[in-house]
Amino acid sequence: MNVKHYFLTVFMLVAFSVEVLANNYTNSTPAVQGYDVVSYQTSKRPIKGSGHYVYDYQGATYQFANEANLAVFKKDPMKYVPAYGGYCAYGVSVGKKFVGDPEVWRIVDGKLYLNLDNSIQAIWLEDVPGRIKISNTEWRKIKDKSPTSL
């Protein structure tokens, strides 16, 4: 390999690395496992979103079932974004980040809360106001920590 090709190869590797670092690919998985977060409050059951209607908000990619739900979300995202970044509401109350199951949910005072599974949700439902109060405090402590560090 001559010097010219060597420097060209090094330049291409550096350019590629800069491109990868400039784009944050850590959130390539759709939020709420691809469920349409607006549908939780407008339908009887949550609906899977479509890759045709997506919106990036606060580092997460949300999918919607249709253009109307996407438009509704854009007007007031915080109304539809799940509590605790979509982590299990009970888990947060005990200082953990468990992935919330999008089919195990409740709307409480207009906010979407997910839980790990039905048995965990049953525990959470025993004292929803108390768990939410504890979770709000715990979330401030663990929000920026990785799930594996907890």
N, C-alpha and C. Protein backbone atom coordinates (compact mmCIF):
# COMPACT_ATOMS: atom_id res chain seq x y z
N MET A 1 0.87 -1.18 0.00
CA MET A 1 0.00 0.00 0.00
C MET A 1 0.91 1.23 0.00
N ASN A 2 0.66 2.14 -0.93
CA ASN A 2 1.50 3.33 -0.96
C ASN A 2 1.01 4.37 0.05
N VAL A 3 1.79 5.38 0.27
CA VAL A 3 1.51 6.39 1.28
C VAL A 3 0.19 7.10 0.99
N LYS A 4 -0.07 7.37 -0.27
CA LYS A 4 -1.30 8.05 -0.66
C LYS A 4 -2.54 7.24 -0.24
N HIS A 5 -2.53 5.94 -0.52
CA HIS A 5 -3.65 5.08 -0.14
C HIS A 5 -3.76 4.96 1.39
N TYR A 6 -2.63 4.92 2.05
CA TYR A 6 -2.63 4.83 3.50
C TYR A 6 -3.34 6.03 4.12
N PHE A 7 -2.94 7.24 3.69
CA PHE A 7 -3.55 8.45 4.24
C PHE A 7 -5.03 8.57 3.85
N LEU A 8 -5.37 8.12 2.66
CA LEU A 8 -6.76 8.14 2.24
C LEU A 8 -7.59 7.20 3.13
N THR A 9 -7.05 6.02 3.43
CA THR A 9 -7.73 5.07 4.29
C THR A 9 -7.90 5.63 5.70
N VAL A 10 -6.85 6.22 6.24
CA VAL A 10 -6.92 6.82 7.57
C VAL A 10 -7.95 7.96 7.58
N PHE A 11 -7.92 8.79 6.55
CA PHE A 11 -8.88 9.89 6.47
C PHE A 11 -10.32 9.36 6.45
N MET A 12 -10.58 8.32 5.67
CA MET A 12 -11.93 7.75 5.58
C MET A 12 -12.37 7.17 6.94
N LEU A 13 -11.46 6.50 7.63
CA LEU A 13 -11.79 5.94 8.94
C LEU A 13 -12.12 7.05 9.95
N VAL A 14 -11.34 8.11 9.93
CA VAL A 14 -11.59 9.23 10.84
C VAL A 14 -12.92 9.90 10.49
N ALA A 15 -13.18 10.11 9.20
CA ALA A 15 -14.43 10.74 8.78
C ALA A 15 -15.63 9.88 9.20
N PHE A 16 -15.52 8.57 9.02
CA PHE A 16 -16.60 7.66 9.42
C PHE A 16 -16.81 7.73 10.92
N SER A 17 -15.73 7.73 11.70
CA SER A 17 -15.84 7.79 13.16
C SER A 17 -16.50 9.07 13.62
N VAL A 18 -16.16 10.18 13.01
CA VAL A 18 -16.77 11.46 13.36
C VAL A 18 -18.26 11.43 13.04
N GLU A 19 -18.62 10.84 11.90
CA GLU A 19 -20.03 10.74 11.52
C GLU A 19 -20.81 9.91 12.54
N VAL A 20 -20.26 8.79 12.96
CA VAL A 20 -20.92 7.92 13.94
C VAL A 20 -21.06 8.64 15.27
N LEU A 21 -20.03 9.33 15.71
CA LEU A 21 -20.09 10.05 16.98
C LEU A 21 -21.06 11.22 16.93
N ALA A 22 -21.17 11.87 15.76
CA ALA A 22 -22.05 13.02 15.62
C ALA A 22 -23.51 12.63 15.67
N ASN A 23 -23.82 11.42 15.22
CA ASN A 23 -25.20 10.94 15.23
C ASN A 23 -25.38 10.00 16.40
N ASN A 24 -26.36 10.29 17.23
CA ASN A 24 -26.61 9.46 18.40
C ASN A 24 -27.54 8.32 18.01
N TYR A 25 -26.99 7.12 17.90
CA TYR A 25 -27.79 5.96 17.50
C TYR A 25 -28.26 5.16 18.71
N THR A 26 -28.09 5.68 19.90
CA THR A 26 -28.45 4.91 21.09
C THR A 26 -29.96 4.77 21.26
N ASN A 27 -30.74 5.60 20.59
CA ASN A 27 -32.18 5.54 20.74
C ASN A 27 -32.86 5.04 19.47
N SER A 28 -32.26 4.07 18.80
CA SER A 28 -32.84 3.58 17.56
C SER A 28 -34.04 2.68 17.81
N THR A 29 -34.23 2.21 19.02
CA THR A 29 -35.40 1.41 19.35
C THR A 29 -36.57 2.35 19.63
N PRO A 30 -37.71 2.11 19.01
CA PRO A 30 -38.85 3.01 19.23
C PRO A 30 -39.29 3.04 20.70
N ALA A 31 -39.67 4.21 21.15
CA ALA A 31 -40.19 4.37 22.52
C ALA A 31 -41.45 3.52 22.68
N VAL A 32 -41.67 3.04 23.88
CA VAL A 32 -42.84 2.24 24.24
C VAL A 32 -42.99 1.07 23.25
N GLN A 33 -41.87 0.54 22.85
CA GLN A 33 -41.80 -0.61 21.95
C GLN A 33 -42.65 -0.43 20.70
N GLY A 34 -42.73 0.81 20.23
CA GLY A 34 -43.43 1.10 18.99
C GLY A 34 -44.92 1.35 19.11
N TYR A 35 -45.45 1.35 20.32
CA TYR A 35 -46.88 1.63 20.49
C TYR A 35 -47.13 3.13 20.35
N ASP A 36 -48.29 3.46 19.83
CA ASP A 36 -48.73 4.84 19.64
C ASP A 36 -49.18 5.38 21.00
N VAL A 37 -48.39 6.30 21.58
CA VAL A 37 -48.70 6.79 22.93
C VAL A 37 -49.99 7.60 23.00
N VAL A 38 -50.41 8.19 21.90
CA VAL A 38 -51.67 8.92 21.88
C VAL A 38 -52.84 7.94 22.01
N SER A 39 -52.70 6.77 21.42
CA SER A 39 -53.79 5.78 21.43
C SER A 39 -54.15 5.32 22.84
N TYR A 40 -53.23 5.41 23.78
CA TYR A 40 -53.54 5.02 25.16
C TYR A 40 -54.67 5.87 25.73
N GLN A 41 -54.74 7.11 25.28
CA GLN A 41 -55.74 8.02 25.84
C GLN A 41 -56.94 8.22 24.93
N THR A 42 -56.87 7.70 23.71
CA THR A 42 -57.96 7.93 22.77
C THR A 42 -58.65 6.64 22.32
N SER A 43 -58.11 5.49 22.65
CA SER A 43 -58.68 4.21 22.24
C SER A 43 -58.92 3.33 23.47
N LYS A 44 -59.65 2.26 23.27
CA LYS A 44 -59.86 1.32 24.38
C LYS A 44 -58.61 0.53 24.68
N ARG A 45 -57.81 0.29 23.66
CA ARG A 45 -56.55 -0.46 23.80
C ARG A 45 -55.46 0.30 23.05
N PRO A 46 -54.23 0.20 23.52
CA PRO A 46 -53.14 0.84 22.77
C PRO A 46 -52.97 0.18 21.40
N ILE A 47 -52.54 0.98 20.45
CA ILE A 47 -52.36 0.53 19.07
C ILE A 47 -50.88 0.63 18.71
N LYS A 48 -50.39 -0.35 17.97
CA LYS A 48 -49.01 -0.29 17.48
C LYS A 48 -48.89 0.86 16.50
N GLY A 49 -47.78 1.56 16.59
CA GLY A 49 -47.52 2.65 15.67
C GLY A 49 -46.97 2.13 14.35
N SER A 50 -46.77 3.04 13.42
CA SER A 50 -46.27 2.70 12.10
C SER A 50 -44.98 3.48 11.85
N GLY A 51 -44.08 2.86 11.13
CA GLY A 51 -42.84 3.54 10.76
C GLY A 51 -43.06 4.70 9.81
N HIS A 52 -44.28 4.85 9.32
CA HIS A 52 -44.60 5.96 8.42
C HIS A 52 -44.88 7.25 9.19
N TYR A 53 -45.18 7.12 10.47
CA TYR A 53 -45.51 8.29 11.29
C TYR A 53 -44.63 8.28 12.54
N VAL A 54 -43.49 8.92 12.46
CA VAL A 54 -42.54 8.92 13.58
C VAL A 54 -42.18 10.34 13.97
N TYR A 55 -41.77 10.46 15.22
CA TYR A 55 -41.36 11.77 15.73
C TYR A 55 -40.34 11.55 16.83
N ASP A 56 -39.22 12.25 16.75
CA ASP A 56 -38.19 12.18 17.78
C ASP A 56 -38.46 13.27 18.80
N TYR A 57 -38.52 12.85 20.06
CA TYR A 57 -38.77 13.80 21.14
C TYR A 57 -37.92 13.42 22.34
N GLN A 58 -37.11 14.35 22.79
CA GLN A 58 -36.24 14.17 23.95
C GLN A 58 -35.43 12.89 23.86
N GLY A 59 -34.86 12.64 22.70
CA GLY A 59 -33.97 11.49 22.53
C GLY A 59 -34.65 10.16 22.29
N ALA A 60 -35.97 10.15 22.19
CA ALA A 60 -36.70 8.91 21.94
C ALA A 60 -37.49 9.04 20.63
N THR A 61 -37.65 7.93 19.95
CA THR A 61 -38.40 7.92 18.70
C THR A 61 -39.78 7.32 18.95
N TYR A 62 -40.80 8.11 18.73
CA TYR A 62 -42.18 7.67 18.92
C TYR A 62 -42.80 7.34 17.57
N GLN A 63 -43.60 6.28 17.53
CA GLN A 63 -44.32 5.88 16.33
C GLN A 63 -45.81 6.07 16.58
N PHE A 64 -46.53 6.40 15.52
CA PHE A 64 -47.97 6.66 15.63
C PHE A 64 -48.73 5.86 14.59
N ALA A 65 -49.96 5.55 14.91
CA ALA A 65 -50.80 4.74 14.02
C ALA A 65 -51.24 5.51 12.79
N ASN A 66 -51.29 6.83 12.93
CA ASN A 66 -51.75 7.65 11.80
C ASN A 66 -51.23 9.08 11.95
N GLU A 67 -51.45 9.84 10.90
CA GLU A 67 -50.97 11.23 10.88
C GLU A 67 -51.70 12.10 11.91
N ALA A 68 -52.95 11.81 12.17
CA ALA A 68 -53.72 12.59 13.15
C ALA A 68 -53.12 12.45 14.54
N ASN A 69 -52.77 11.22 14.94
CA ASN A 69 -52.16 11.02 16.26
C ASN A 69 -50.80 11.68 16.35
N LEU A 70 -50.04 11.64 15.28
CA LEU A 70 -48.74 12.32 15.25
C LEU A 70 -48.94 13.81 15.47
N ALA A 71 -49.92 14.40 14.81
CA ALA A 71 -50.20 15.84 14.95
C ALA A 71 -50.61 16.18 16.38
N VAL A 72 -51.45 15.34 16.98
CA VAL A 72 -51.88 15.54 18.36
C VAL A 72 -50.68 15.52 19.30
N PHE A 73 -49.79 14.55 19.11
CA PHE A 73 -48.59 14.43 19.95
C PHE A 73 -47.72 15.68 19.82
N LYS A 74 -47.51 16.14 18.62
CA LYS A 74 -46.64 17.31 18.39
C LYS A 74 -47.15 18.55 19.12
N LYS A 75 -48.46 18.67 19.28
CA LYS A 75 -49.05 19.84 19.95
C LYS A 75 -48.77 19.86 21.45
N ASP A 76 -48.70 18.67 22.08
CA ASP A 76 -48.50 18.59 23.53
C ASP A 76 -47.84 17.27 23.91
N PRO A 77 -46.56 17.09 23.55
CA PRO A 77 -45.89 15.80 23.78
C PRO A 77 -45.91 15.34 25.23
N MET A 78 -45.74 16.26 26.18
CA MET A 78 -45.66 15.86 27.59
C MET A 78 -46.96 15.24 28.09
N LYS A 79 -48.06 15.51 27.44
CA LYS A 79 -49.33 14.90 27.82
C LYS A 79 -49.31 13.39 27.53
N TYR A 80 -48.53 12.98 26.54
CA TYR A 80 -48.57 11.60 26.08
C TYR A 80 -47.32 10.78 26.39
N VAL A 81 -46.22 11.43 26.65
CA VAL A 81 -44.98 10.71 26.98
C VAL A 81 -45.20 9.94 28.27
N PRO A 82 -44.81 8.67 28.31
CA PRO A 82 -45.04 7.89 29.54
C PRO A 82 -44.18 8.38 30.70
N ALA A 83 -44.70 8.22 31.89
CA ALA A 83 -43.96 8.58 33.10
C ALA A 83 -42.67 7.77 33.16
N TYR A 84 -41.65 8.38 33.71
CA TYR A 84 -40.37 7.72 34.00
C TYR A 84 -39.73 7.12 32.74
N GLY A 85 -39.89 7.82 31.62
CA GLY A 85 -39.25 7.38 30.39
C GLY A 85 -39.76 6.03 29.89
N GLY A 86 -40.91 5.60 30.38
CA GLY A 86 -41.47 4.32 29.97
C GLY A 86 -41.01 3.14 30.80
N TYR A 87 -40.18 3.41 31.81
CA TYR A 87 -39.78 2.34 32.72
C TYR A 87 -40.95 1.99 33.64
N CYS A 88 -40.89 0.82 34.21
CA CYS A 88 -41.93 0.32 35.10
C CYS A 88 -42.13 1.27 36.28
N ALA A 89 -43.37 1.72 36.47
CA ALA A 89 -43.68 2.66 37.55
C ALA A 89 -43.38 2.06 38.92
N TYR A 90 -43.70 0.79 39.11
CA TYR A 90 -43.38 0.15 40.39
C TYR A 90 -41.86 0.04 40.55
N GLY A 91 -41.18 -0.37 39.53
CA GLY A 91 -39.71 -0.50 39.59
C GLY A 91 -39.05 0.79 40.01
N VAL A 92 -39.51 1.90 39.45
CA VAL A 92 -38.93 3.20 39.82
C VAL A 92 -39.17 3.47 41.30
N SER A 93 -40.30 3.04 41.83
CA SER A 93 -40.60 3.29 43.25
C SER A 93 -39.64 2.54 44.17
N VAL A 94 -38.99 1.50 43.65
CA VAL A 94 -38.00 0.77 44.46
C VAL A 94 -36.58 1.03 43.95
N GLY A 95 -36.43 2.13 43.19
CA GLY A 95 -35.11 2.55 42.75
C GLY A 95 -34.51 1.74 41.62
N LYS A 96 -35.35 1.13 40.79
CA LYS A 96 -34.88 0.30 39.68
C LYS A 96 -35.49 0.78 38.37
N LYS A 97 -34.85 0.39 37.28
CA LYS A 97 -35.36 0.68 35.94
C LYS A 97 -35.63 -0.64 35.23
N PHE A 98 -36.90 -1.09 35.31
CA PHE A 98 -37.34 -2.28 34.60
C PHE A 98 -38.08 -1.82 33.36
N VAL A 99 -37.90 -2.50 32.26
CA VAL A 99 -38.59 -2.13 31.03
C VAL A 99 -40.09 -2.30 31.23
N GLY A 100 -40.83 -1.26 30.91
CA GLY A 100 -42.28 -1.32 31.04
C GLY A 100 -42.91 -2.06 29.88
N ASP A 101 -43.86 -2.90 30.16
CA ASP A 101 -44.60 -3.63 29.13
C ASP A 101 -45.69 -2.71 28.59
N PRO A 102 -45.70 -2.40 27.30
CA PRO A 102 -46.69 -1.47 26.77
C PRO A 102 -48.13 -1.98 26.84
N GLU A 103 -48.30 -3.25 27.19
CA GLU A 103 -49.66 -3.78 27.33
C GLU A 103 -50.10 -3.90 28.78
N VAL A 104 -49.25 -3.42 29.70
CA VAL A 104 -49.58 -3.42 31.13
C VAL A 104 -49.46 -1.96 31.59
N TRP A 105 -50.57 -1.26 31.57
CA TRP A 105 -50.55 0.19 31.72
C TRP A 105 -51.78 0.71 32.45
N ARG A 106 -51.68 1.96 32.86
CA ARG A 106 -52.80 2.69 33.44
C ARG A 106 -52.59 4.17 33.13
N ILE A 107 -53.69 4.87 32.93
CA ILE A 107 -53.66 6.32 32.85
C ILE A 107 -54.12 6.82 34.21
N VAL A 108 -53.29 7.62 34.86
CA VAL A 108 -53.61 8.19 36.17
C VAL A 108 -53.45 9.70 36.06
N ASP A 109 -54.53 10.40 36.33
CA ASP A 109 -54.53 11.87 36.22
C ASP A 109 -53.94 12.34 34.90
N GLY A 110 -54.32 11.66 33.82
CA GLY A 110 -53.91 12.05 32.48
C GLY A 110 -52.51 11.62 32.08
N LYS A 111 -51.82 10.86 32.92
CA LYS A 111 -50.44 10.45 32.64
C LYS A 111 -50.39 8.93 32.44
N LEU A 112 -49.59 8.50 31.46
CA LEU A 112 -49.43 7.08 31.16
C LEU A 112 -48.34 6.47 32.04
N TYR A 113 -48.70 5.39 32.72
CA TYR A 113 -47.76 4.63 33.56
C TYR A 113 -47.72 3.20 33.05
N LEU A 114 -46.52 2.67 32.85
CA LEU A 114 -46.32 1.29 32.43
C LEU A 114 -45.80 0.48 33.60
N ASN A 115 -46.02 -0.81 33.56
CA ASN A 115 -45.47 -1.72 34.57
C ASN A 115 -44.81 -2.90 33.88
N LEU A 116 -43.96 -3.58 34.61
CA LEU A 116 -43.19 -4.71 34.09
C LEU A 116 -44.08 -5.85 33.62
N ASP A 117 -45.06 -6.21 34.42
CA ASP A 117 -45.99 -7.28 34.06
C ASP A 117 -47.23 -7.16 34.95
N ASN A 118 -48.18 -8.05 34.76
CA ASN A 118 -49.45 -7.96 35.51
C ASN A 118 -49.27 -8.17 37.01
N SER A 119 -48.37 -9.06 37.41
CA SER A 119 -48.19 -9.30 38.86
C SER A 119 -47.57 -8.08 39.54
N ILE A 120 -46.64 -7.44 38.88
CA ILE A 120 -46.04 -6.22 39.43
C ILE A 120 -47.08 -5.10 39.45
N GLN A 121 -47.87 -5.02 38.41
CA GLN A 121 -48.90 -3.98 38.38
C GLN A 121 -49.90 -4.17 39.51
N ALA A 122 -50.21 -5.41 39.85
CA ALA A 122 -51.14 -5.67 40.96
C ALA A 122 -50.60 -5.07 42.26
N ILE A 123 -49.31 -5.18 42.48
CA ILE A 123 -48.69 -4.58 43.68
C ILE A 123 -48.77 -3.06 43.60
N TRP A 124 -48.46 -2.52 42.42
CA TRP A 124 -48.49 -1.07 42.21
C TRP A 124 -49.90 -0.53 42.45
N LEU A 125 -50.91 -1.27 42.01
CA LEU A 125 -52.30 -0.82 42.14
C LEU A 125 -52.80 -0.78 43.58
N GLU A 126 -52.10 -1.44 44.50
CA GLU A 126 -52.51 -1.43 45.91
C GLU A 126 -52.42 -0.03 46.52
N ASP A 127 -51.51 0.81 45.99
CA ASP A 127 -51.35 2.17 46.51
C ASP A 127 -50.77 3.06 45.42
N VAL A 128 -51.57 3.33 44.41
CA VAL A 128 -51.10 4.11 43.26
C VAL A 128 -50.61 5.51 43.68
N PRO A 129 -51.38 6.27 44.44
CA PRO A 129 -50.88 7.61 44.82
C PRO A 129 -49.57 7.55 45.61
N GLY A 130 -49.48 6.61 46.52
CA GLY A 130 -48.25 6.47 47.32
C GLY A 130 -47.07 6.06 46.45
N ARG A 131 -47.27 5.12 45.54
CA ARG A 131 -46.19 4.67 44.65
C ARG A 131 -45.74 5.79 43.72
N ILE A 132 -46.69 6.55 43.21
CA ILE A 132 -46.33 7.66 42.33
C ILE A 132 -45.50 8.70 43.09
N LYS A 133 -45.90 8.99 44.32
CA LYS A 133 -45.15 9.96 45.13
C LYS A 133 -43.71 9.48 45.35
N ILE A 134 -43.58 8.21 45.72
CA ILE A 134 -42.24 7.63 45.93
C ILE A 134 -41.46 7.62 44.62
N SER A 135 -42.12 7.20 43.54
CA SER A 135 -41.46 7.12 42.24
C SER A 135 -40.96 8.48 41.77
N ASN A 136 -41.75 9.52 41.99
CA ASN A 136 -41.31 10.85 41.58
C ASN A 136 -40.01 11.25 42.28
N THR A 137 -39.90 10.91 43.55
CA THR A 137 -38.67 11.20 44.31
C THR A 137 -37.52 10.33 43.80
N GLU A 138 -37.78 9.04 43.65
CA GLU A 138 -36.74 8.11 43.19
C GLU A 138 -36.27 8.44 41.78
N TRP A 139 -37.19 8.86 40.92
CA TRP A 139 -36.83 9.14 39.53
C TRP A 139 -35.78 10.24 39.44
N ARG A 140 -35.88 11.23 40.29
CA ARG A 140 -34.87 12.30 40.29
C ARG A 140 -33.49 11.73 40.60
N LYS A 141 -33.42 10.68 41.40
CA LYS A 141 -32.14 10.07 41.78
C LYS A 141 -31.60 9.14 40.70
N ILE A 142 -32.48 8.45 39.98
CA ILE A 142 -32.02 7.40 39.06
C ILE A 142 -32.17 7.74 37.58
N LYS A 143 -32.80 8.85 37.27
CA LYS A 143 -33.11 9.21 35.89
C LYS A 143 -31.91 9.06 34.95
N ASP A 144 -30.77 9.55 35.36
CA ASP A 144 -29.59 9.56 34.49
C ASP A 144 -28.68 8.35 34.69
N LYS A 145 -29.11 7.37 35.44
CA LYS A 145 -28.30 6.17 35.67
C LYS A 145 -28.75 5.06 34.73
N SER A 146 -27.81 4.21 34.36
CA SER A 146 -28.16 3.08 33.50
C SER A 146 -28.90 2.03 34.32
N PRO A 147 -29.80 1.30 33.70
CA PRO A 147 -30.55 0.26 34.42
C PRO A 147 -29.63 -0.77 35.07
N THR A 148 -28.53 -1.11 34.43
CA THR A 148 -27.63 -2.13 34.98
C THR A 148 -26.84 -1.64 36.18
N SER A 149 -26.77 -0.33 36.37
CA SER A 149 -26.01 0.19 37.51
C SER A 149 -26.85 0.24 38.79
N LEU A 150 -28.13 -0.04 38.66
CA LEU A 150 -29.03 0.09 39.83
C LEU A 150 -29.21 -1.23 40.56
